[in-house]
Amino acid sequence: MTGSALNIDLYYPSNVVRPYMPDPKGIATAIANDLSAVGFNVTLKTEDWHGGYVSDATAGKLPLYLFGWTCDWAGADNFLYTAWFGYQGGQPNPQFGWKNDAANAADAEGSAGADRRRGQRRLGPGPGSPRQDLPVVPIVNSQPPGAYTAKVHGYVGASNGIEYLNTVWLSK
């Protein structure tokens, strides 16, 4: 590679804190430093989370950016299909542009099936596996916190940030 082939813009969001991204600028700076150490010329850029960052990232308009997902349910399909690679209207998700018809079909089939082992096999090595050409680099797995006092009864943590409180009551 020569010259401009090593120049890249790295976007990070402003005006937001996420469980997986508590310091967006600090994380982006650390990544930029690592990339610079191996020969990239990184320009940090930022957009307001609510003022265009989310829509630009999910539309595939940003070349390199920080983004994340806190799961909605405990299943790999929540990340692999819903958030990352599942086709939308028969086309690859524009956020990642990962086109692999065989993997998309296998993931959709595995997600719909009742056989958990079959669903797990679709994540393993082999042709069409996301492991072969993953268009993302996972850097953290967040665990959103939950807290309550001894006055709270009937609470069952969901571990995914979506807490149902219809079974909860308070004692005096």
Protein backbone atom coordinates (compact mmCIF):
# COMPACT_ATOMS: atom_id res chain seq x y z
CA MET A 1 0.00 0.00 0.00
CA THR A 2 1.11 3.49 -0.64
CA GLY A 3 0.16 7.03 0.33
CA SER A 4 -3.54 7.64 0.77
CA ALA A 5 -4.36 3.93 1.02
CA LEU A 6 -3.41 4.15 4.70
CA ASN A 7 -5.56 7.20 5.53
CA ILE A 8 -8.79 6.50 7.37
CA ASP A 9 -11.48 8.44 9.20
CA LEU A 10 -12.61 6.94 12.51
CA TYR A 11 -15.96 8.22 13.77
CA TYR A 12 -17.17 8.21 17.34
CA PRO A 13 -20.42 9.55 18.82
CA SER A 14 -20.75 12.61 21.00
CA ASN A 15 -23.39 13.39 23.61
CA VAL A 16 -23.99 9.79 24.57
CA VAL A 17 -22.81 7.17 27.04
CA ARG A 18 -23.67 3.54 26.35
CA PRO A 19 -23.00 0.46 28.55
CA TYR A 20 -20.54 -0.82 25.94
CA MET A 21 -19.08 2.63 25.24
CA PRO A 22 -18.73 4.68 28.45
CA ASP A 23 -16.11 7.03 26.94
CA PRO A 24 -16.53 7.18 23.14
CA LYS A 25 -13.77 9.73 22.54
CA GLY A 26 -11.32 7.88 24.80
CA ILE A 27 -12.04 4.55 23.09
CA ALA A 28 -11.69 6.11 19.63
CA THR A 29 -8.42 7.75 20.64
CA ALA A 30 -7.01 4.45 21.92
CA ILE A 31 -8.00 2.67 18.70
CA ALA A 32 -6.52 5.50 16.61
CA ASN A 33 -3.25 5.23 18.55
CA ASP A 34 -3.09 1.46 17.91
CA LEU A 35 -3.83 1.94 14.20
CA SER A 36 -1.23 4.71 13.97
CA ALA A 37 1.36 2.42 15.51
CA VAL A 38 0.98 0.03 12.55
CA GLY A 39 1.06 2.67 9.82
CA PHE A 40 -2.43 4.14 9.47
CA ASN A 41 -3.03 7.88 9.39
CA VAL A 42 -6.21 8.21 11.44
CA THR A 43 -8.41 11.28 11.52
CA LEU A 44 -10.89 11.25 14.39
CA LYS A 45 -14.33 12.62 13.56
CA THR A 46 -17.45 12.89 15.66
CA GLU A 47 -21.17 13.31 15.19
CA ASP A 48 -23.92 13.83 17.74
CA TRP A 49 -25.53 10.48 18.64
CA HIS A 50 -29.03 11.92 18.18
CA GLY A 51 -28.06 14.34 15.42
CA GLY A 52 -27.07 11.93 12.69
CA TYR A 53 -24.53 9.45 14.06
CA VAL A 54 -26.95 6.54 14.48
CA SER A 55 -28.63 7.05 11.11
CA ASP A 56 -25.28 7.51 9.31
CA ALA A 57 -23.81 4.38 10.94
CA THR A 58 -26.82 2.15 10.30
CA ALA A 59 -27.09 3.36 6.70
CA GLY A 60 -23.47 2.35 6.06
CA LYS A 61 -22.27 5.91 5.46
CA LEU A 62 -19.31 5.85 7.89
CA PRO A 63 -16.11 4.03 6.84
CA LEU A 64 -14.97 3.09 10.37
CA TYR A 65 -16.92 3.84 13.52
CA LEU A 66 -17.80 2.80 17.05
CA PHE A 67 -21.17 1.19 17.59
CA GLY A 68 -22.62 -1.45 19.83
CA TRP A 69 -25.58 -3.46 20.90
CA THR A 70 -26.99 -4.47 24.24
CA CYS A 71 -28.89 -7.69 23.68
CA ASP A 72 -32.66 -7.82 23.62
CA TRP A 73 -32.76 -11.56 24.30
CA ALA A 74 -30.21 -14.21 25.17
CA GLY A 75 -29.44 -15.66 21.76
CA ALA A 76 -26.70 -15.30 19.19
CA ASP A 77 -29.30 -14.46 16.57
CA ASN A 78 -29.99 -11.20 18.42
CA PHE A 79 -26.51 -10.07 17.44
CA LEU A 80 -25.75 -11.99 14.28
CA TYR A 81 -29.10 -11.75 12.52
CA THR A 82 -31.05 -8.87 14.05
CA ALA A 83 -28.24 -6.45 14.69
CA TRP A 84 -25.51 -7.29 12.23
CA PHE A 85 -25.92 -9.54 9.25
CA GLY A 86 -29.56 -10.36 8.61
CA TYR A 87 -30.84 -9.34 5.23
CA GLN A 88 -33.49 -6.63 5.05
CA GLY A 89 -35.93 -6.95 2.17
CA GLY A 90 -33.71 -9.59 0.59
CA GLN A 91 -30.61 -7.37 0.68
CA PRO A 92 -27.62 -7.26 3.04
CA ASN A 93 -27.94 -4.98 6.06
CA PRO A 94 -26.63 -1.61 4.78
CA GLN A 95 -24.76 -0.99 8.02
CA PHE A 96 -22.29 -3.76 7.26
CA GLY A 97 -22.99 -4.80 3.67
CA TRP A 98 -22.06 -8.39 4.52
CA LYS A 99 -23.44 -10.38 1.59
CA ASN A 100 -23.44 -14.11 2.05
CA ASP A 101 -26.66 -15.76 0.89
CA ALA A 102 -25.79 -19.19 2.30
CA ALA A 103 -24.90 -17.83 5.75
CA ASN A 104 -27.99 -15.61 5.81
CA ALA A 105 -30.26 -18.57 4.97
CA ALA A 106 -28.55 -20.83 7.53
CA ASP A 107 -28.80 -18.17 10.22
CA ALA A 108 -32.48 -17.48 9.51
CA GLU A 109 -33.22 -21.23 9.53
CA GLY A 110 -31.25 -21.82 12.74
CA SER A 111 -32.91 -18.89 14.47
CA ALA A 112 -36.37 -20.20 13.63
CA GLY A 113 -35.65 -23.77 14.72
CA ALA A 114 -36.15 -25.36 18.08
CA ASP A 115 -32.90 -27.37 17.94
CA ARG A 116 -30.39 -25.29 19.93
CA ARG A 117 -27.39 -27.37 18.79
CA ARG A 118 -28.33 -26.84 15.16
CA GLY A 119 -28.52 -23.12 15.78
CA GLN A 120 -25.10 -23.10 17.45
CA ARG A 121 -23.51 -25.00 14.53
CA ARG A 122 -24.26 -22.11 12.18
CA LEU A 123 -21.78 -20.02 14.20
CA GLY A 124 -18.93 -22.49 13.83
CA PRO A 125 -16.12 -22.61 11.29
CA GLY A 126 -16.86 -23.48 7.69
CA PRO A 127 -17.95 -21.91 4.43
CA GLY A 128 -20.11 -18.86 4.94
CA SER A 129 -19.35 -18.59 8.63
CA PRO A 130 -19.16 -15.06 10.06
CA ARG A 131 -15.80 -16.16 11.49
CA GLN A 132 -14.36 -16.20 7.97
CA ASP A 133 -14.85 -12.54 7.08
CA LEU A 134 -16.46 -10.75 10.00
CA PRO A 135 -17.08 -7.10 9.05
CA VAL A 136 -16.86 -5.96 12.69
CA VAL A 137 -14.28 -6.15 15.45
CA PRO A 138 -15.91 -6.87 18.82
CA ILE A 139 -14.03 -5.10 21.60
CA VAL A 140 -16.27 -5.37 24.67
CA ASN A 141 -19.18 -7.31 26.13
CA SER A 142 -21.14 -5.07 28.48
CA GLN A 143 -23.19 -6.17 31.42
CA PRO A 144 -25.71 -3.46 32.29
CA PRO A 145 -25.98 -3.18 36.07
CA GLY A 146 -29.11 -3.63 38.13
CA ALA A 147 -29.58 -2.62 41.76
CA TYR A 148 -32.34 -2.70 44.35
CA THR A 149 -32.84 -2.72 48.12
CA ALA A 150 -34.16 -5.37 50.52
CA LYS A 151 -37.58 -3.68 50.25
CA VAL A 152 -37.91 -4.97 46.67
CA HIS A 153 -39.58 -8.37 46.22
CA GLY A 154 -40.33 -10.47 43.15
CA TYR A 155 -37.59 -8.95 40.99
CA VAL A 156 -35.98 -11.31 38.47
CA GLY A 157 -33.15 -9.75 36.47
CA ALA A 158 -33.31 -10.24 32.73
CA SER A 159 -29.57 -9.59 32.10
CA ASN A 160 -30.30 -7.80 28.86
CA GLY A 161 -31.21 -4.32 30.02
CA ILE A 162 -34.94 -4.86 29.49
CA GLU A 163 -36.39 -5.33 32.94
CA TYR A 164 -40.01 -6.34 33.46
CA LEU A 165 -41.35 -4.99 36.71
CA ASN A 166 -44.90 -6.35 36.64
CA THR A 167 -44.00 -8.96 39.28
CA VAL A 168 -42.27 -6.53 41.65
CA TRP A 169 -43.65 -5.16 44.89
CA LEU A 170 -42.20 -3.11 47.76
CA SER A 171 -42.38 -3.84 51.46
CA LYS A 172 -42.38 -1.17 54.15
